[in-house]
Amino acid sequence: MKAQNVRDLDEHELKNKLKEMDEQMFRLHFQMSMGQMDGLKKVRQMRKDRARMNTILRERELAGEKK
């Protein structure tokens, strides 16, 4: 997910997406530990997307404090 696409979402949508990603990451890690799939590439991309979302949420939080 591109940063601009993330910026277009509102705070509520971002938090919902983060929650969904957390659940999906848990399932992927569980499947990898059981040896059912080799989803390392997908896990890495999801981690980057989560970090991007958290960064944008933090930017918005800091912008709100300055005003």
PDB file of N, CA and C in Angstrom:
ATOM      1  N   MET A   1       0.846  -1.167   0.000  1.00  0.00           N
ATOM      2  CA  MET A   1       0.000   0.000   0.000  1.00  0.00           C
ATOM      3  C   MET A   1       0.896   1.235   0.000  1.00  0.00           C
ATOM      4  N   LYS A   2       0.629   2.129  -0.903  1.00  0.00           N
ATOM      5  CA  LYS A   2       1.435   3.337  -1.031  1.00  0.00           C
ATOM      6  C   LYS A   2       1.090   4.333   0.071  1.00  0.00           C
ATOM      7  N   ALA A   3       2.050   5.186   0.379  1.00  0.00           N
ATOM      8  CA  ALA A   3       1.858   6.158   1.455  1.00  0.00           C
ATOM      9  C   ALA A   3       0.710   7.109   1.139  1.00  0.00           C
ATOM     10  N   GLN A   4       0.568   7.500  -0.119  1.00  0.00           N
ATOM     11  CA  GLN A   4      -0.514   8.418  -0.475  1.00  0.00           C
ATOM     12  C   GLN A   4      -1.872   7.767  -0.250  1.00  0.00           C
ATOM     13  N   ASN A   5      -1.989   6.470  -0.559  1.00  0.00           N
ATOM     14  CA  ASN A   5      -3.244   5.763  -0.316  1.00  0.00           C
ATOM     15  C   ASN A   5      -3.563   5.720   1.172  1.00  0.00           C
ATOM     16  N   VAL A   6      -2.545   5.562   1.996  1.00  0.00           N
ATOM     17  CA  VAL A   6      -2.745   5.524   3.444  1.00  0.00           C
ATOM     18  C   VAL A   6      -3.153   6.903   3.951  1.00  0.00           C
ATOM     19  N   ARG A   7      -2.542   7.937   3.399  1.00  0.00           N
ATOM     20  CA  ARG A   7      -2.869   9.306   3.824  1.00  0.00           C
ATOM     21  C   ARG A   7      -4.308   9.677   3.482  1.00  0.00           C
ATOM     22  N   ASP A   8      -4.860   9.070   2.446  1.00  0.00           N
ATOM     23  CA  ASP A   8      -6.232   9.375   2.043  1.00  0.00           C
ATOM     24  C   ASP A   8      -7.274   8.789   2.998  1.00  0.00           C
ATOM     25  N   LEU A   9      -6.881   7.808   3.800  1.00  0.00           N
ATOM     26  CA  LEU A   9      -7.811   7.185   4.741  1.00  0.00           C
ATOM     27  C   LEU A   9      -7.934   8.043   5.987  1.00  0.00           C
ATOM     28  N   ASP A  10      -9.100   7.981   6.626  1.00  0.00           N
ATOM     29  CA  ASP A  10      -9.247   8.707   7.879  1.00  0.00           C
ATOM     30  C   ASP A  10      -8.734   7.843   9.033  1.00  0.00           C
ATOM     31  N   GLU A  11      -8.695   8.426  10.219  1.00  0.00           N
ATOM     32  CA  GLU A  11      -8.088   7.751  11.377  1.00  0.00           C
ATOM     33  C   GLU A  11      -8.809   6.457  11.738  1.00  0.00           C
ATOM     34  N   HIS A  12     -10.131   6.474  11.663  1.00  0.00           N
ATOM     35  CA  HIS A  12     -10.917   5.291  12.010  1.00  0.00           C
ATOM     36  C   HIS A  12     -10.616   4.134  11.043  1.00  0.00           C
ATOM     37  N   GLU A  13     -10.545   4.431   9.748  1.00  0.00           N
ATOM     38  CA  GLU A  13     -10.237   3.400   8.753  1.00  0.00           C
ATOM     39  C   GLU A  13      -8.832   2.852   8.945  1.00  0.00           C
ATOM     40  N   LEU A  14      -7.882   3.727   9.270  1.00  0.00           N
ATOM     41  CA  LEU A  14      -6.507   3.276   9.505  1.00  0.00           C
ATOM     42  C   LEU A  14      -6.439   2.316  10.688  1.00  0.00           C
ATOM     43  N   LYS A  15      -7.122   2.656  11.760  1.00  0.00           N
ATOM     44  CA  LYS A  15      -7.090   1.786  12.942  1.00  0.00           C
ATOM     45  C   LYS A  15      -7.741   0.438  12.647  1.00  0.00           C
ATOM     46  N   ASN A  16      -8.818   0.443  11.852  1.00  0.00           N
ATOM     47  CA  ASN A  16      -9.457  -0.823  11.472  1.00  0.00           C
ATOM     48  C   ASN A  16      -8.520  -1.666  10.610  1.00  0.00           C
ATOM     49  N   LYS A  17      -7.839  -1.030   9.663  1.00  0.00           N
ATOM     50  CA  LYS A  17      -6.901  -1.762   8.805  1.00  0.00           C
ATOM     51  C   LYS A  17      -5.750  -2.336   9.626  1.00  0.00           C
ATOM     52  N   LEU A  18      -5.260  -1.570  10.601  1.00  0.00           N
ATOM     53  CA  LEU A  18      -4.179  -2.070  11.454  1.00  0.00           C
ATOM     54  C   LEU A  18      -4.628  -3.286  12.251  1.00  0.00           C
ATOM     55  N   LYS A  19      -5.847  -3.248  12.738  1.00  0.00           N
ATOM     56  CA  LYS A  19      -6.384  -4.379  13.510  1.00  0.00           C
ATOM     57  C   LYS A  19      -6.487  -5.617  12.618  1.00  0.00           C
ATOM     58  N   GLU A  20      -6.990  -5.436  11.398  1.00  0.00           N
ATOM     59  CA  GLU A  20      -7.099  -6.553  10.461  1.00  0.00           C
ATOM     60  C   GLU A  20      -5.716  -7.114  10.120  1.00  0.00           C
ATOM     61  N   MET A  21      -4.745  -6.217   9.930  1.00  0.00           N
ATOM     62  CA  MET A  21      -3.391  -6.661   9.607  1.00  0.00           C
ATOM     63  C   MET A  21      -2.774  -7.440  10.765  1.00  0.00           C
ATOM     64  N   ASP A  22      -3.034  -7.014  11.991  1.00  0.00           N
ATOM     65  CA  ASP A  22      -2.514  -7.728  13.157  1.00  0.00           C
ATOM     66  C   ASP A  22      -3.047  -9.160  13.187  1.00  0.00           C
ATOM     67  N   GLU A  23      -4.342  -9.308  12.918  1.00  0.00           N
ATOM     68  CA  GLU A  23      -4.941 -10.645  12.900  1.00  0.00           C
ATOM     69  C   GLU A  23      -4.362 -11.489  11.775  1.00  0.00           C
ATOM     70  N   GLN A  24      -4.187 -10.895  10.616  1.00  0.00           N
ATOM     71  CA  GLN A  24      -3.638 -11.625   9.475  1.00  0.00           C
ATOM     72  C   GLN A  24      -2.176 -11.998   9.725  1.00  0.00           C
ATOM     73  N   MET A  25      -1.418 -11.095  10.353  1.00  0.00           N
ATOM     74  CA  MET A  25      -0.017 -11.406  10.679  1.00  0.00           C
ATOM     75  C   MET A  25       0.065 -12.578  11.644  1.00  0.00           C
ATOM     76  N   PHE A  26      -0.830 -12.598  12.620  1.00  0.00           N
ATOM     77  CA  PHE A  26      -0.849 -13.706  13.568  1.00  0.00           C
ATOM     78  C   PHE A  26      -1.079 -15.029  12.835  1.00  0.00           C
ATOM     79  N   ARG A  27      -2.075 -15.030  11.921  1.00  0.00           N
ATOM     80  CA  ARG A  27      -2.367 -16.255  11.171  1.00  0.00           C
ATOM     81  C   ARG A  27      -1.188 -16.666  10.302  1.00  0.00           C
ATOM     82  N   LEU A  28      -0.534 -15.707   9.653  1.00  0.00           N
ATOM     83  CA  LEU A  28       0.610 -16.027   8.802  1.00  0.00           C
ATOM     84  C   LEU A  28       1.768 -16.593   9.607  1.00  0.00           C
ATOM     85  N   HIS A  29       2.042 -15.978  10.757  1.00  0.00           N
ATOM     86  CA  HIS A  29       3.128 -16.490  11.607  1.00  0.00           C
ATOM     87  C   HIS A  29       2.807 -17.902  12.095  1.00  0.00           C
ATOM     88  N   PHE A  30       1.567 -18.132  12.428  1.00  0.00           N
ATOM     89  CA  PHE A  30       1.156 -19.459  12.882  1.00  0.00           C
ATOM     90  C   PHE A  30       1.337 -20.477  11.758  1.00  0.00           C
ATOM     91  N   GLN A  31       0.908 -20.137  10.550  1.00  0.00           N
ATOM     92  CA  GLN A  31       1.053 -21.048   9.416  1.00  0.00           C
ATOM     93  C   GLN A  31       2.518 -21.306   9.112  1.00  0.00           C
ATOM     94  N   MET A  32       3.348 -20.271   9.205  1.00  0.00           N
ATOM     95  CA  MET A  32       4.776 -20.463   8.934  1.00  0.00           C
ATOM     96  C   MET A  32       5.412 -21.358   9.978  1.00  0.00           C
ATOM     97  N   SER A  33       5.002 -21.224  11.229  1.00  0.00           N
ATOM     98  CA  SER A  33       5.574 -22.058  12.283  1.00  0.00           C
ATOM     99  C   SER A  33       5.165 -23.518  12.126  1.00  0.00           C
ATOM    100  N   MET A  34       3.997 -23.741  11.539  1.00  0.00           N
ATOM    101  CA  MET A  34       3.537 -25.098  11.295  1.00  0.00           C
ATOM    102  C   MET A  34       4.112 -25.674   9.998  1.00  0.00           C
ATOM    103  N   GLY A  35       4.814 -24.834   9.252  1.00  0.00           N
ATOM    104  CA  GLY A  35       5.423 -25.286   8.015  1.00  0.00           C
ATOM    105  C   GLY A  35       4.448 -25.406   6.861  1.00  0.00           C
ATOM    106  N   GLN A  36       3.310 -24.752   6.951  1.00  0.00           N
ATOM    107  CA  GLN A  36       2.296 -24.884   5.920  1.00  0.00           C
ATOM    108  C   GLN A  36       2.536 -23.960   4.735  1.00  0.00           C
ATOM    109  N   MET A  37       3.249 -22.870   4.931  1.00  0.00           N
ATOM    110  CA  MET A  37       3.443 -21.946   3.824  1.00  0.00           C
ATOM    111  C   MET A  37       4.770 -21.230   3.950  1.00  0.00           C
ATOM    112  N   ASP A  38       5.197 -20.687   2.853  1.00  0.00           N
ATOM    113  CA  ASP A  38       6.427 -19.905   2.823  1.00  0.00           C
ATOM    114  C   ASP A  38       6.063 -18.466   2.492  1.00  0.00           C
ATOM    115  N   GLY A  39       5.418 -17.786   3.421  1.00  0.00           N
ATOM    116  CA  GLY A  39       4.917 -16.441   3.178  1.00  0.00           C
ATOM    117  C   GLY A  39       5.807 -15.347   3.713  1.00  0.00           C
ATOM    118  N   LEU A  40       7.112 -15.558   3.683  1.00  0.00           N
ATOM    119  CA  LEU A  40       8.025 -14.577   4.246  1.00  0.00           C
ATOM    120  C   LEU A  40       7.928 -13.239   3.508  1.00  0.00           C
ATOM    121  N   LYS A  41       7.792 -13.284   2.198  1.00  0.00           N
ATOM    122  CA  LYS A  41       7.704 -12.055   1.423  1.00  0.00           C
ATOM    123  C   LYS A  41       6.452 -11.267   1.800  1.00  0.00           C
ATOM    124  N   LYS A  42       5.349 -11.959   1.984  1.00  0.00           N
ATOM    125  CA  LYS A  42       4.096 -11.308   2.369  1.00  0.00           C
ATOM    126  C   LYS A  42       4.193 -10.727   3.772  1.00  0.00           C
ATOM    127  N   VAL A  43       4.833 -11.434   4.673  1.00  0.00           N
ATOM    128  CA  VAL A  43       5.002 -10.959   6.046  1.00  0.00           C
ATOM    129  C   VAL A  43       5.838  -9.681   6.054  1.00  0.00           C
ATOM    130  N   ARG A  44       6.909  -9.658   5.281  1.00  0.00           N
ATOM    131  CA  ARG A  44       7.755  -8.467   5.226  1.00  0.00           C
ATOM    132  C   ARG A  44       6.980  -7.264   4.699  1.00  0.00           C
ATOM    133  N   GLN A  45       6.197  -7.473   3.647  1.00  0.00           N
ATOM    134  CA  GLN A  45       5.417  -6.379   3.075  1.00  0.00           C
ATOM    135  C   GLN A  45       4.378  -5.877   4.071  1.00  0.00           C
ATOM    136  N   MET A  46       3.752  -6.784   4.798  1.00  0.00           N
ATOM    137  CA  MET A  46       2.753  -6.384   5.788  1.00  0.00           C
ATOM    138  C   MET A  46       3.396  -5.587   6.919  1.00  0.00           C
ATOM    139  N   ARG A  47       4.600  -5.977   7.327  1.00  0.00           N
ATOM    140  CA  ARG A  47       5.298  -5.238   8.370  1.00  0.00           C
ATOM    141  C   ARG A  47       5.591  -3.814   7.920  1.00  0.00           C
ATOM    142  N   LYS A  48       5.990  -3.662   6.665  1.00  0.00           N
ATOM    143  CA  LYS A  48       6.269  -2.332   6.135  1.00  0.00           C
ATOM    144  C   LYS A  48       4.992  -1.500   6.057  1.00  0.00           C
ATOM    145  N   ASP A  49       3.899  -2.119   5.634  1.00  0.00           N
ATOM    146  CA  ASP A  49       2.625  -1.415   5.557  1.00  0.00           C
ATOM    147  C   ASP A  49       2.151  -0.976   6.934  1.00  0.00           C
ATOM    148  N   ARG A  50       2.313  -1.850   7.931  1.00  0.00           N
ATOM    149  CA  ARG A  50       1.922  -1.501   9.302  1.00  0.00           C
ATOM    150  C   ARG A  50       2.752  -0.327   9.807  1.00  0.00           C
ATOM    151  N   ALA A  51       4.049  -0.364   9.529  1.00  0.00           N
ATOM    152  CA  ALA A  51       4.924   0.724   9.965  1.00  0.00           C
ATOM    153  C   ALA A  51       4.522   2.033   9.291  1.00  0.00           C
ATOM    154  N   ARG A  52       4.187   1.964   8.010  1.00  0.00           N
ATOM    155  CA  ARG A  52       3.764   3.148   7.273  1.00  0.00           C
ATOM    156  C   ARG A  52       2.486   3.729   7.886  1.00  0.00           C
ATOM    157  N   MET A  53       1.535   2.863   8.218  1.00  0.00           N
ATOM    158  CA  MET A  53       0.278   3.321   8.813  1.00  0.00           C
ATOM    159  C   MET A  53       0.507   3.934  10.189  1.00  0.00           C
ATOM    160  N   ASN A  54       1.331   3.282  10.990  1.00  0.00           N
ATOM    161  CA  ASN A  54       1.618   3.817  12.324  1.00  0.00           C
ATOM    162  C   ASN A  54       2.331   5.161  12.237  1.00  0.00           C
ATOM    163  N   THR A  55       3.216   5.318  11.261  1.00  0.00           N
ATOM    164  CA  THR A  55       3.927   6.577  11.078  1.00  0.00           C
ATOM    165  C   THR A  55       2.962   7.695  10.729  1.00  0.00           C
ATOM    166  N   ILE A  56       2.033   7.424   9.837  1.00  0.00           N
ATOM    167  CA  ILE A  56       1.076   8.449   9.428  1.00  0.00           C
ATOM    168  C   ILE A  56       0.136   8.798  10.585  1.00  0.00           C
ATOM    169  N   LEU A  57      -0.275   7.791  11.363  1.00  0.00           N
ATOM    170  CA  LEU A  57      -1.095   8.083  12.542  1.00  0.00           C
ATOM    171  C   LEU A  57      -0.337   8.973  13.522  1.00  0.00           C
ATOM    172  N   ARG A  58       0.935   8.704  13.706  1.00  0.00           N
ATOM    173  CA  ARG A  58       1.764   9.497  14.618  1.00  0.00           C
ATOM    174  C   ARG A  58       1.940  10.921  14.090  1.00  0.00           C
ATOM    175  N   GLU A  59       2.137  11.065  12.776  1.00  0.00           N
ATOM    176  CA  GLU A  59       2.252  12.401  12.189  1.00  0.00           C
ATOM    177  C   GLU A  59       0.995  13.219  12.450  1.00  0.00           C
ATOM    178  N   ARG A  60      -0.149  12.590  12.277  1.00  0.00           N
ATOM    179  CA  ARG A  60      -1.413  13.283  12.510  1.00  0.00           C
ATOM    180  C   ARG A  60      -1.569  13.661  13.972  1.00  0.00           C
ATOM    181  N   GLU A  61      -1.119  12.780  14.865  1.00  0.00           N
ATOM    182  CA  GLU A  61      -1.201  13.056  16.292  1.00  0.00           C
ATOM    183  C   GLU A  61      -0.322  14.254  16.651  1.00  0.00           C
ATOM    184  N   LEU A  62       0.886  14.301  16.119  1.00  0.00           N
ATOM    185  CA  LEU A  62       1.788  15.408  16.405  1.00  0.00           C
ATOM    186  C   LEU A  62       1.290  16.709  15.787  1.00  0.00           C
ATOM    187  N   ALA A  63       0.675  16.629  14.608  1.00  0.00           N
ATOM    188  CA  ALA A  63       0.135  17.820  13.974  1.00  0.00           C
ATOM    189  C   ALA A  63      -1.019  18.374  14.805  1.00  0.00           C
ATOM    190  N   GLY A  64      -1.786  17.495  15.432  1.00  0.00           N
ATOM    191  CA  GLY A  64      -2.884  17.924  16.283  1.00  0.00           C
ATOM    192  C   GLY A  64      -2.404  18.617  17.547  1.00  0.00           C
ATOM    193  N   GLU A  65      -1.262  18.211  18.070  1.00  0.00           N
ATOM    194  CA  GLU A  65      -0.701  18.826  19.283  1.00  0.00           C
ATOM    195  C   GLU A  65      -0.195  20.231  19.003  1.00  0.00           C
ATOM    196  N   LYS A  66       0.324  20.454  17.816  1.00  0.00           N
ATOM    197  CA  LYS A  66       0.888  21.761  17.481  1.00  0.00           C
ATOM    198  C   LYS A  66      -0.187  22.814  17.302  1.00  0.00           C
ATOM    199  N   LYS A  67      -1.365  22.389  16.889  1.00  0.00           N
ATOM    200  CA  LYS A  67      -2.444  23.365  16.637  1.00  0.00           C
ATOM    201  C   LYS A  67      -3.097  23.847  17.896  1.00  0.00           C
TER     202      LYS A  67
END
